[in-house]
Amino acid sequence: MKKLFTCLVAVIPFTHSFAQDSFADLSLRQVMVAPASTPAQTAVAISKSFQGRPYEGNTLDGNESEQLVVDFQAFDCTTFLETTLALALARHQLTNEKDTAQFSRLFRENLTRIRYRNGQIDGFASRLHYFSEWLIDNEQKGIVQDVTGLIGGIRVKKPISYMTQYTYKYPQLSNPAIRKQIAKVELAISQQQYWFIPKQQIPKIEKCLQDGDIIMLTAARPGLDMKHVGMVVWQTDEDGIRRAHLLHASSQYGEVAISEQPLVEYIKANRQFSGIRVARLKETVPPAMAYSDARRIN
């Protein structure tokens, strides 16, 4: 399971590790959009280019050992977000517009540091499965900023235990050592307070949201932190009113799409969501040099 969202269906036939470079490089050339003025704006442009791509789950768990997996043909909600962010960062780090090899390398490095604790692949437990930890880790790396508290959030705590409670969903947890590592992560998350905007308060902060903001929809069920994730896009409705919508890989729509309802109504209509957390891509892109060690990319 990736980030513990309802983004899971089946392992797809087009999941690729970076050992299959020809496929990856071909796909990368197709998403080399011109960078906008900020990484967030670039991420929105890239995200929109993926609209209509099918939704699929379990895309990261088809290999015997943990390795960097990329699939541009189908996404779950988390792989869609991570792929988009890694591509956006790579576009702003690229020094030669025609150098697809450099773009490919930068993308790989960014995807690895976004997806894995401290940017290093070291087995199943090194993947940032819980989005609470994902947010902390990527904020420490200088990639995103948690702005939930700045736009009206409140401080809360929640015990987390989903993965170790439902171990049958994760074959890797049959290994006691890996299960112990995940339990340690859950304990750390459970002990931390975090900023949160309750569902009923979201209408009050809608105007604070920006294009490209990362929206993490918190889970109403016990033991689970986030249920879904996507990006904010502002759209003008038929009455000429601009509203924030969710651009995401949707199991409901079966594809990457922009929510038909505005974000506020989309969340209100779903009992699985208790509220949101909001992160924003930093305007200054972290330098690529710090993550250039090829040994980190299996």
C-alpha atoms as a PDB file:
ATOM      1  CA  MET A   1       0.000   0.000   0.000  1.00  0.00           C
ATOM      2  CA  LYS A   2       1.311   3.448  -0.838  1.00  0.00           C
ATOM      3  CA  LYS A   3       0.638   6.149   1.728  1.00  0.00           C
ATOM      4  CA  LEU A   4      -2.336   4.203   2.981  1.00  0.00           C
ATOM      5  CA  PHE A   5      -4.861   5.818   0.674  1.00  0.00           C
ATOM      6  CA  THR A   6      -7.735   4.148  -1.168  1.00  0.00           C
ATOM      7  CA  CYS A   7      -5.552   4.026  -4.237  1.00  0.00           C
ATOM      8  CA  LEU A   8      -5.109   0.288  -4.406  1.00  0.00           C
ATOM      9  CA  VAL A   9      -6.532  -2.128  -6.945  1.00  0.00           C
ATOM     10  CA  ALA A  10      -4.001  -4.455  -8.597  1.00  0.00           C
ATOM     11  CA  VAL A  11      -0.424  -4.577  -9.810  1.00  0.00           C
ATOM     12  CA  ILE A  12      -0.393  -3.245 -13.362  1.00  0.00           C
ATOM     13  CA  PRO A  13       1.517  -4.687 -16.307  1.00  0.00           C
ATOM     14  CA  PHE A  14       3.238  -1.423 -17.202  1.00  0.00           C
ATOM     15  CA  THR A  15       5.113  -0.821 -13.952  1.00  0.00           C
ATOM     16  CA  HIS A  16       8.783  -0.212 -14.684  1.00  0.00           C
ATOM     17  CA  SER A  17      11.942   0.130 -12.678  1.00  0.00           C
ATOM     18  CA  PHE A  18      14.636   2.352 -14.083  1.00  0.00           C
ATOM     19  CA  ALA A  19      16.473  -0.677 -15.382  1.00  0.00           C
ATOM     20  CA  GLN A  20      14.169  -0.258 -18.399  1.00  0.00           C
ATOM     21  CA  ASP A  21      15.612   3.059 -19.552  1.00  0.00           C
ATOM     22  CA  SER A  22      14.315   3.152 -23.124  1.00  0.00           C
ATOM     23  CA  PHE A  23      10.687   3.152 -21.979  1.00  0.00           C
ATOM     24  CA  ALA A  24      11.339   5.685 -19.230  1.00  0.00           C
ATOM     25  CA  ASP A  25      13.317   8.081 -21.439  1.00  0.00           C
ATOM     26  CA  LEU A  26      10.673   7.944 -24.170  1.00  0.00           C
ATOM     27  CA  SER A  27       7.990   8.829 -21.634  1.00  0.00           C
ATOM     28  CA  LEU A  28      10.139  11.561 -20.103  1.00  0.00           C
ATOM     29  CA  ARG A  29      10.468  13.294 -23.458  1.00  0.00           C
ATOM     30  CA  GLN A  30       6.688  13.404 -23.629  1.00  0.00           C
ATOM     31  CA  VAL A  31       6.413  15.331 -20.341  1.00  0.00           C
ATOM     32  CA  MET A  32       9.242  17.840 -20.792  1.00  0.00           C
ATOM     33  CA  VAL A  33       6.888  20.812 -20.627  1.00  0.00           C
ATOM     34  CA  ALA A  34       8.346  24.304 -20.472  1.00  0.00           C
ATOM     35  CA  PRO A  35       8.913  25.318 -16.846  1.00  0.00           C
ATOM     36  CA  ALA A  36       6.623  28.007 -15.421  1.00  0.00           C
ATOM     37  CA  SER A  37       7.751  30.757 -13.057  1.00  0.00           C
ATOM     38  CA  THR A  38       7.475  28.525  -9.972  1.00  0.00           C
ATOM     39  CA  PRO A  39       7.797  24.758  -9.376  1.00  0.00           C
ATOM     40  CA  ALA A  40       4.158  24.671  -8.230  1.00  0.00           C
ATOM     41  CA  GLN A  41       2.930  26.162 -11.500  1.00  0.00           C
ATOM     42  CA  THR A  42       5.109  23.739 -13.439  1.00  0.00           C
ATOM     43  CA  ALA A  43       3.694  20.856 -11.396  1.00  0.00           C
ATOM     44  CA  VAL A  44       0.148  21.919 -12.299  1.00  0.00           C
ATOM     45  CA  ALA A  45       1.010  22.014 -16.012  1.00  0.00           C
ATOM     46  CA  ILE A  46       2.590  18.562 -15.846  1.00  0.00           C
ATOM     47  CA  SER A  47      -0.320  17.193 -13.809  1.00  0.00           C
ATOM     48  CA  LYS A  48      -2.828  18.404 -16.389  1.00  0.00           C
ATOM     49  CA  SER A  49      -0.848  16.681 -19.144  1.00  0.00           C
ATOM     50  CA  PHE A  50      -1.591  13.372 -17.378  1.00  0.00           C
ATOM     51  CA  GLN A  51      -5.373  13.852 -17.409  1.00  0.00           C
ATOM     52  CA  GLY A  52      -7.138  10.785 -18.727  1.00  0.00           C
ATOM     53  CA  ARG A  53      -4.353   8.370 -17.778  1.00  0.00           C
ATOM     54  CA  PRO A  54      -5.927   5.374 -16.032  1.00  0.00           C
ATOM     55  CA  TYR A  55      -6.038   4.895 -12.294  1.00  0.00           C
ATOM     56  CA  GLU A  56      -4.260   1.782 -11.002  1.00  0.00           C
ATOM     57  CA  GLY A  57      -3.104   0.712  -7.551  1.00  0.00           C
ATOM     58  CA  ASN A  58      -0.247  -1.288  -6.041  1.00  0.00           C
ATOM     59  CA  THR A  59       2.155   0.008  -8.661  1.00  0.00           C
ATOM     60  CA  LEU A  60       5.139  -0.023  -6.311  1.00  0.00           C
ATOM     61  CA  ASP A  61       4.947  -3.557  -4.948  1.00  0.00           C
ATOM     62  CA  GLY A  62       5.556  -5.758  -7.964  1.00  0.00           C
ATOM     63  CA  ASN A  63       9.263  -6.373  -7.364  1.00  0.00           C
ATOM     64  CA  GLU A  64      10.867  -8.893  -5.021  1.00  0.00           C
ATOM     65  CA  SER A  65      13.174  -6.218  -3.602  1.00  0.00           C
ATOM     66  CA  GLU A  66      12.524  -2.537  -3.007  1.00  0.00           C
ATOM     67  CA  GLN A  67      13.634  -0.400  -5.961  1.00  0.00           C
ATOM     68  CA  LEU A  68      12.717   2.821  -7.697  1.00  0.00           C
ATOM     69  CA  VAL A  69       9.602   2.192  -9.803  1.00  0.00           C
ATOM     70  CA  VAL A  70       8.217   4.537 -12.442  1.00  0.00           C
ATOM     71  CA  ASP A  71       5.065   4.274 -14.490  1.00  0.00           C
ATOM     72  CA  PHE A  72       3.832   7.095 -16.706  1.00  0.00           C
ATOM     73  CA  GLN A  73       0.959   5.046 -18.115  1.00  0.00           C
ATOM     74  CA  ALA A  74      -1.165   4.687 -14.956  1.00  0.00           C
ATOM     75  CA  PHE A  75      -1.171   6.075 -11.428  1.00  0.00           C
ATOM     76  CA  ASP A  76      -2.579   5.801  -7.970  1.00  0.00           C
ATOM     77  CA  CYS A  77      -3.115   9.040  -6.074  1.00  0.00           C
ATOM     78  CA  THR A  78       0.327   8.992  -4.458  1.00  0.00           C
ATOM     79  CA  THR A  79       2.443   7.922  -7.424  1.00  0.00           C
ATOM     80  CA  PHE A  80       0.660  10.596  -9.463  1.00  0.00           C
ATOM     81  CA  LEU A  81       1.668  13.261  -6.953  1.00  0.00           C
ATOM     82  CA  GLU A  82       5.232  12.030  -6.490  1.00  0.00           C
ATOM     83  CA  THR A  83       5.849  11.672 -10.227  1.00  0.00           C
ATOM     84  CA  THR A  84       4.504  15.152 -10.899  1.00  0.00           C
ATOM     85  CA  LEU A  85       6.601  16.764  -8.170  1.00  0.00           C
ATOM     86  CA  ALA A  86       9.781  14.974  -9.264  1.00  0.00           C
ATOM     87  CA  LEU A  87       9.258  16.060 -12.877  1.00  0.00           C
ATOM     88  CA  ALA A  88       8.594  19.664 -11.850  1.00  0.00           C
ATOM     89  CA  LEU A  89      11.746  19.836  -9.727  1.00  0.00           C
ATOM     90  CA  ALA A  90      13.799  18.285 -12.526  1.00  0.00           C
ATOM     91  CA  ARG A  91      12.549  20.878 -15.027  1.00  0.00           C
ATOM     92  CA  HIS A  92      13.724  23.697 -12.760  1.00  0.00           C
ATOM     93  CA  GLN A  93      17.095  22.028 -12.134  1.00  0.00           C
ATOM     94  CA  LEU A  94      17.749  21.270 -15.802  1.00  0.00           C
ATOM     95  CA  THR A  95      20.650  23.281 -17.241  1.00  0.00           C
ATOM     96  CA  ASN A  96      20.355  22.108 -20.852  1.00  0.00           C
ATOM     97  CA  GLU A  97      16.870  22.070 -22.367  1.00  0.00           C
ATOM     98  CA  LYS A  98      17.870  19.464 -24.955  1.00  0.00           C
ATOM     99  CA  ASP A  99      19.643  17.101 -22.569  1.00  0.00           C
ATOM    100  CA  THR A 100      17.087  14.335 -21.966  1.00  0.00           C
ATOM    101  CA  ALA A 101      19.712  12.200 -20.222  1.00  0.00           C
ATOM    102  CA  GLN A 102      20.251  14.956 -17.647  1.00  0.00           C
ATOM    103  CA  PHE A 103      16.496  15.376 -17.241  1.00  0.00           C
ATOM    104  CA  SER A 104      16.101  11.619 -16.720  1.00  0.00           C
ATOM    105  CA  ARG A 105      18.851  11.557 -14.084  1.00  0.00           C
ATOM    106  CA  LEU A 106      17.425  14.565 -12.237  1.00  0.00           C
ATOM    107  CA  PHE A 107      13.963  13.056 -12.302  1.00  0.00           C
ATOM    108  CA  ARG A 108      15.227   9.768 -10.859  1.00  0.00           C
ATOM    109  CA  GLU A 109      17.076  11.537  -8.078  1.00  0.00           C
ATOM    110  CA  ASN A 110      14.089  13.697  -7.190  1.00  0.00           C
ATOM    111  CA  LEU A 111      11.651  10.806  -7.208  1.00  0.00           C
ATOM    112  CA  THR A 112      13.966   8.821  -4.923  1.00  0.00           C
ATOM    113  CA  ARG A 113      14.358  11.596  -2.383  1.00  0.00           C
ATOM    114  CA  ILE A 114      10.629  12.382  -2.398  1.00  0.00           C
ATOM    115  CA  ARG A 115       9.507   8.770  -2.001  1.00  0.00           C
ATOM    116  CA  TYR A 116      12.089   7.454   0.485  1.00  0.00           C
ATOM    117  CA  ARG A 117      13.176   8.431   3.974  1.00  0.00           C
ATOM    118  CA  ASN A 118      16.264  10.630   3.761  1.00  0.00           C
ATOM    119  CA  GLY A 119      16.251  10.049  -0.008  1.00  0.00           C
ATOM    120  CA  GLN A 120      17.728   6.560   0.275  1.00  0.00           C
ATOM    121  CA  ILE A 121      16.296   3.194  -0.745  1.00  0.00           C
ATOM    122  CA  ASP A 122      16.917   0.659   1.984  1.00  0.00           C
ATOM    123  CA  GLY A 123      14.147  -1.910   1.815  1.00  0.00           C
ATOM    124  CA  PHE A 124      10.368  -1.759   2.124  1.00  0.00           C
ATOM    125  CA  ALA A 125      10.397   0.146   5.415  1.00  0.00           C
ATOM    126  CA  SER A 126      12.486   2.985   3.937  1.00  0.00           C
ATOM    127  CA  ARG A 127       9.561   4.000   1.727  1.00  0.00           C
ATOM    128  CA  LEU A 128       7.488   6.822   3.242  1.00  0.00           C
ATOM    129  CA  HIS A 129       4.255   4.850   3.515  1.00  0.00           C
ATOM    130  CA  TYR A 130       2.443   7.192   5.879  1.00  0.00           C
ATOM    131  CA  PHE A 131       1.875  10.649   4.491  1.00  0.00           C
ATOM    132  CA  SER A 132       2.348  12.211   7.920  1.00  0.00           C
ATOM    133  CA  GLU A 133       5.978  11.100   7.784  1.00  0.00           C
ATOM    134  CA  TRP A 134       6.176  11.910   4.054  1.00  0.00           C
ATOM    135  CA  LEU A 135       5.293  15.516   4.824  1.00  0.00           C
ATOM    136  CA  ILE A 136       7.805  15.873   7.651  1.00  0.00           C
ATOM    137  CA  ASP A 137      10.578  14.225   5.649  1.00  0.00           C
ATOM    138  CA  ASN A 138      10.030  16.296   2.514  1.00  0.00           C
ATOM    139  CA  GLU A 139       9.749  19.486   4.517  1.00  0.00           C
ATOM    140  CA  GLN A 140      13.131  18.744   6.103  1.00  0.00           C
ATOM    141  CA  LYS A 141      14.559  18.222   2.601  1.00  0.00           C
ATOM    142  CA  GLY A 142      13.423  21.724   1.614  1.00  0.00           C
ATOM    143  CA  ILE A 143      10.972  20.494  -1.023  1.00  0.00           C
ATOM    144  CA  VAL A 144       7.634  21.469   0.552  1.00  0.00           C
ATOM    145  CA  GLN A 145       6.277  23.548   3.416  1.00  0.00           C
ATOM    146  CA  ASP A 146       3.380  22.486   5.616  1.00  0.00           C
ATOM    147  CA  VAL A 147       1.164  25.604   5.474  1.00  0.00           C
ATOM    148  CA  THR A 148      -1.844  24.097   7.279  1.00  0.00           C
ATOM    149  CA  GLY A 149      -1.181  26.060  10.464  1.00  0.00           C
ATOM    150  CA  LEU A 150      -0.640  29.294   8.547  1.00  0.00           C
ATOM    151  CA  ILE A 151      -4.063  29.199   6.889  1.00  0.00           C
ATOM    152  CA  GLY A 152      -6.206  28.341   9.892  1.00  0.00           C
ATOM    153  CA  GLY A 153      -5.399  24.831  11.084  1.00  0.00           C
ATOM    154  CA  ILE A 154      -5.627  23.476  14.612  1.00  0.00           C
ATOM    155  CA  ARG A 155      -3.194  21.191  16.462  1.00  0.00           C
ATOM    156  CA  VAL A 156      -4.272  17.581  16.942  1.00  0.00           C
ATOM    157  CA  LYS A 157      -2.901  14.093  17.645  1.00  0.00           C
ATOM    158  CA  LYS A 158      -4.048  10.739  16.337  1.00  0.00           C
ATOM    159  CA  PRO A 159      -2.872   7.190  17.111  1.00  0.00           C
ATOM    160  CA  ILE A 160      -1.668   5.467  13.921  1.00  0.00           C
ATOM    161  CA  SER A 161      -1.603   1.681  13.514  1.00  0.00           C
ATOM    162  CA  TYR A 162      -3.117   0.796  10.134  1.00  0.00           C
ATOM    163  CA  MET A 163      -0.256  -1.166   8.581  1.00  0.00           C
ATOM    164  CA  THR A 164       0.545  -3.291  11.612  1.00  0.00           C
ATOM    165  CA  GLN A 165      -3.160  -3.774  12.302  1.00  0.00           C
ATOM    166  CA  TYR A 166      -3.878  -4.998   8.765  1.00  0.00           C
ATOM    167  CA  THR A 167      -0.699  -6.907   8.047  1.00  0.00           C
ATOM    168  CA  TYR A 168      -2.484  -9.245   5.621  1.00  0.00           C
ATOM    169  CA  LYS A 169      -2.527  -6.351   3.146  1.00  0.00           C
ATOM    170  CA  TYR A 170       1.274  -6.122   3.225  1.00  0.00           C
ATOM    171  CA  PRO A 171       3.152  -9.364   2.476  1.00  0.00           C
ATOM    172  CA  GLN A 172       6.418  -7.667   3.434  1.00  0.00           C
ATOM    173  CA  LEU A 173       5.212  -7.388   7.036  1.00  0.00           C
ATOM    174  CA  SER A 174       5.372 -11.144   7.422  1.00  0.00           C
ATOM    175  CA  ASN A 175       9.038 -10.419   8.114  1.00  0.00           C
ATOM    176  CA  PRO A 176       9.195  -9.566  11.862  1.00  0.00           C
ATOM    177  CA  ALA A 177      12.106  -7.170  11.359  1.00  0.00           C
ATOM    178  CA  ILE A 178      10.209  -5.123   8.768  1.00  0.00           C
ATOM    179  CA  ARG A 179       7.062  -5.176  10.876  1.00  0.00           C
ATOM    180  CA  LYS A 180       9.066  -3.843  13.809  1.00  0.00           C
ATOM    181  CA  GLN A 181      10.414  -0.988  11.647  1.00  0.00           C
ATOM    182  CA  ILE A 182       6.924  -0.008  10.532  1.00  0.00           C
ATOM    183  CA  ALA A 183       5.624  -0.204  14.110  1.00  0.00           C
ATOM    184  CA  LYS A 184       8.386   2.207  15.135  1.00  0.00           C
ATOM    185  CA  VAL A 185       7.273   4.645  12.446  1.00  0.00           C
ATOM    186  CA  GLU A 186       3.656   4.369  13.605  1.00  0.00           C
ATOM    187  CA  LEU A 187       4.639   5.062  17.208  1.00  0.00           C
ATOM    188  CA  ALA A 188       6.600   8.166  16.208  1.00  0.00           C
ATOM    189  CA  ILE A 189       3.667   9.527  14.183  1.00  0.00           C
ATOM    190  CA  SER A 190       1.229   8.779  17.003  1.00  0.00           C
ATOM    191  CA  GLN A 191       3.258  10.852  19.449  1.00  0.00           C
ATOM    192  CA  GLN A 192       3.399  13.956  17.245  1.00  0.00           C
ATOM    193  CA  GLN A 193       0.949  16.813  17.089  1.00  0.00           C
ATOM    194  CA  TYR A 194       0.183  18.140  13.624  1.00  0.00           C
ATOM    195  CA  TRP A 195      -1.803  20.924  11.963  1.00  0.00           C
ATOM    196  CA  PHE A 196      -5.218  19.971  10.638  1.00  0.00           C
ATOM    197  CA  ILE A 197      -8.225  21.759   9.117  1.00  0.00           C
ATOM    198  CA  PRO A 198     -11.522  20.060  10.045  1.00  0.00           C
ATOM    199  CA  LYS A 199     -13.995  19.411   7.250  1.00  0.00           C
ATOM    200  CA  GLN A 200     -16.463  22.039   8.470  1.00  0.00           C
ATOM    201  CA  GLN A 201     -13.755  24.738   8.475  1.00  0.00           C
ATOM    202  CA  ILE A 202     -12.550  24.206   4.888  1.00  0.00           C
ATOM    203  CA  PRO A 203     -14.998  26.723   3.311  1.00  0.00           C
ATOM    204  CA  LYS A 204     -13.423  29.448   5.460  1.00  0.00           C
ATOM    205  CA  ILE A 205      -9.905  28.818   4.143  1.00  0.00           C
ATOM    206  CA  GLU A 206     -10.639  28.013   0.490  1.00  0.00           C
ATOM    207  CA  LYS A 207      -9.406  31.426  -0.663  1.00  0.00           C
ATOM    208  CA  CYS A 208      -6.066  30.760   1.042  1.00  0.00           C
ATOM    209  CA  LEU A 209      -5.355  27.841  -1.284  1.00  0.00           C
ATOM    210  CA  GLN A 210      -3.086  28.310  -4.294  1.00  0.00           C
ATOM    211  CA  ASP A 211      -2.728  26.510  -7.615  1.00  0.00           C
ATOM    212  CA  GLY A 212      -0.419  23.550  -7.067  1.00  0.00           C
ATOM    213  CA  ASP A 213      -1.001  23.248  -3.313  1.00  0.00           C
ATOM    214  CA  ILE A 214      -0.823  19.635  -2.155  1.00  0.00           C
ATOM    215  CA  ILE A 215      -4.068  18.605  -0.461  1.00  0.00           C
ATOM    216  CA  MET A 216      -3.871  15.637   1.895  1.00  0.00           C
ATOM    217  CA  LEU A 217      -7.345  14.421   2.822  1.00  0.00           C
ATOM    218  CA  THR A 218      -7.285  13.096   6.366  1.00  0.00           C
ATOM    219  CA  ALA A 219      -9.001   9.823   7.232  1.00  0.00           C
ATOM    220  CA  ALA A 220     -12.083   9.657   9.439  1.00  0.00           C
ATOM    221  CA  ARG A 221     -11.394   6.029  10.387  1.00  0.00           C
ATOM    222  CA  PRO A 222      -9.254   5.206  13.451  1.00  0.00           C
ATOM    223  CA  GLY A 223      -5.611   4.229  12.998  1.00  0.00           C
ATOM    224  CA  LEU A 224      -5.138   5.909   9.612  1.00  0.00           C
ATOM    225  CA  ASP A 225      -3.693   9.350   8.922  1.00  0.00           C
ATOM    226  CA  MET A 226      -4.528  10.213   5.286  1.00  0.00           C
ATOM    227  CA  LYS A 227      -7.036   8.707   2.883  1.00  0.00           C
ATOM    228  CA  HIS A 228      -6.278  10.485  -0.391  1.00  0.00           C
ATOM    229  CA  VAL A 229      -4.106  13.193  -1.947  1.00  0.00           C
ATOM    230  CA  GLY A 230      -4.191  15.578  -4.904  1.00  0.00           C
ATOM    231  CA  MET A 231      -3.345  19.081  -6.062  1.00  0.00           C
ATOM    232  CA  VAL A 232      -5.338  22.312  -6.087  1.00  0.00           C
ATOM    233  CA  VAL A 233      -6.399  23.806  -9.407  1.00  0.00           C
ATOM    234  CA  TRP A 234      -8.609  26.875  -9.579  1.00  0.00           C
ATOM    235  CA  GLN A 235     -11.413  26.839 -12.141  1.00  0.00           C
ATOM    236  CA  THR A 236     -14.187  29.229 -13.135  1.00  0.00           C
ATOM    237  CA  ASP A 237     -17.652  27.686 -13.009  1.00  0.00           C
ATOM    238  CA  GLU A 238     -20.618  28.399 -15.269  1.00  0.00           C
ATOM    239  CA  ASP A 239     -21.642  31.346 -13.062  1.00  0.00           C
ATOM    240  CA  GLY A 240     -18.218  32.952 -13.433  1.00  0.00           C
ATOM    241  CA  ILE A 241     -17.153  32.076  -9.886  1.00  0.00           C
ATOM    242  CA  ARG A 242     -13.646  30.756  -9.343  1.00  0.00           C
ATOM    243  CA  ARG A 243     -13.400  27.749  -7.037  1.00  0.00           C
ATOM    244  CA  ALA A 244     -10.634  25.397  -5.908  1.00  0.00           C
ATOM    245  CA  HIS A 245     -10.897  21.874  -7.365  1.00  0.00           C
ATOM    246  CA  LEU A 246      -8.860  18.714  -6.818  1.00  0.00           C
ATOM    247  CA  LEU A 247      -6.598  17.387  -9.583  1.00  0.00           C
ATOM    248  CA  HIS A 248      -5.889  13.769  -8.678  1.00  0.00           C
ATOM    249  CA  ALA A 249      -5.658  10.145  -9.715  1.00  0.00           C
ATOM    250  CA  SER A 250      -9.176   9.133  -8.791  1.00  0.00           C
ATOM    251  CA  SER A 251     -10.466   5.620  -8.141  1.00  0.00           C
ATOM    252  CA  GLN A 252     -13.983   7.050  -8.446  1.00  0.00           C
ATOM    253  CA  TYR A 253     -13.361   8.388 -11.957  1.00  0.00           C
ATOM    254  CA  GLY A 254     -10.937   5.607 -12.857  1.00  0.00           C
ATOM    255  CA  GLU A 255      -8.393   8.082 -14.203  1.00  0.00           C
ATOM    256  CA  VAL A 256      -6.428  11.251 -13.567  1.00  0.00           C
ATOM    257  CA  ALA A 257      -9.032  13.989 -13.505  1.00  0.00           C
ATOM    258  CA  ILE A 258     -10.123  17.278 -11.998  1.00  0.00           C
ATOM    259  CA  SER A 259     -12.964  16.841  -9.524  1.00  0.00           C
ATOM    260  CA  GLU A 260     -16.351  17.822 -10.938  1.00  0.00           C
ATOM    261  CA  GLN A 261     -17.293  19.346  -7.596  1.00  0.00           C
ATOM    262  CA  PRO A 262     -15.241  22.114  -6.011  1.00  0.00           C
ATOM    263  CA  LEU A 263     -12.863  20.837  -3.328  1.00  0.00           C
ATOM    264  CA  VAL A 264     -15.100  21.985  -0.457  1.00  0.00           C
ATOM    265  CA  GLU A 265     -18.123  20.084  -1.773  1.00  0.00           C
ATOM    266  CA  TYR A 266     -16.030  17.071  -2.807  1.00  0.00           C
ATOM    267  CA  ILE A 267     -14.765  16.613   0.755  1.00  0.00           C
ATOM    268  CA  LYS A 268     -18.109  17.405   2.372  1.00  0.00           C
ATOM    269  CA  ALA A 269     -19.812  14.658   0.345  1.00  0.00           C
ATOM    270  CA  ASN A 270     -17.359  11.944   1.416  1.00  0.00           C
ATOM    271  CA  ARG A 271     -17.701  10.521   4.914  1.00  0.00           C
ATOM    272  CA  GLN A 272     -14.255   8.917   4.696  1.00  0.00           C
ATOM    273  CA  PHE A 273     -12.588  12.336   4.977  1.00  0.00           C
ATOM    274  CA  SER A 274     -12.332  14.240   8.256  1.00  0.00           C
ATOM    275  CA  GLY A 275     -10.512  17.280   6.901  1.00  0.00           C
ATOM    276  CA  ILE A 276      -7.311  18.303   5.123  1.00  0.00           C
ATOM    277  CA  ARG A 277      -3.663  19.132   5.530  1.00  0.00           C
ATOM    278  CA  VAL A 278      -2.023  21.477   3.033  1.00  0.00           C
ATOM    279  CA  ALA A 279       1.561  21.591   1.773  1.00  0.00           C
ATOM    280  CA  ARG A 280       3.143  23.987  -0.711  1.00  0.00           C
ATOM    281  CA  LEU A 281       6.129  23.443  -2.981  1.00  0.00           C
ATOM    282  CA  LYS A 282       9.020  25.721  -2.097  1.00  0.00           C
ATOM    283  CA  GLU A 283       9.753  28.376  -4.728  1.00  0.00           C
ATOM    284  CA  THR A 284      13.468  27.697  -4.389  1.00  0.00           C
ATOM    285  CA  VAL A 285      14.273  24.265  -5.800  1.00  0.00           C
ATOM    286  CA  PRO A 286      16.737  22.190  -3.720  1.00  0.00           C
ATOM    287  CA  PRO A 287      20.045  21.689  -5.553  1.00  0.00           C
ATOM    288  CA  ALA A 288      20.449  18.386  -7.339  1.00  0.00           C
ATOM    289  CA  MET A 289      24.076  17.914  -6.263  1.00  0.00           C
ATOM    290  CA  ALA A 290      23.122  16.798  -2.759  1.00  0.00           C
ATOM    291  CA  TYR A 291      21.324  13.787  -4.191  1.00  0.00           C
ATOM    292  CA  SER A 292      23.629  12.820  -7.054  1.00  0.00           C
ATOM    293  CA  ASP A 293      25.035   9.664  -5.449  1.00  0.00           C
ATOM    294  CA  ALA A 294      23.948   6.946  -7.876  1.00  0.00           C
ATOM    295  CA  ARG A 295      24.178   4.315  -5.144  1.00  0.00           C
ATOM    296  CA  ARG A 296      20.964   5.704  -3.701  1.00  0.00           C
ATOM    297  CA  ILE A 297      19.007   4.736  -6.798  1.00  0.00           C
ATOM    298  CA  ASN A 298      18.638   0.957  -7.005  1.00  0.00           C
END
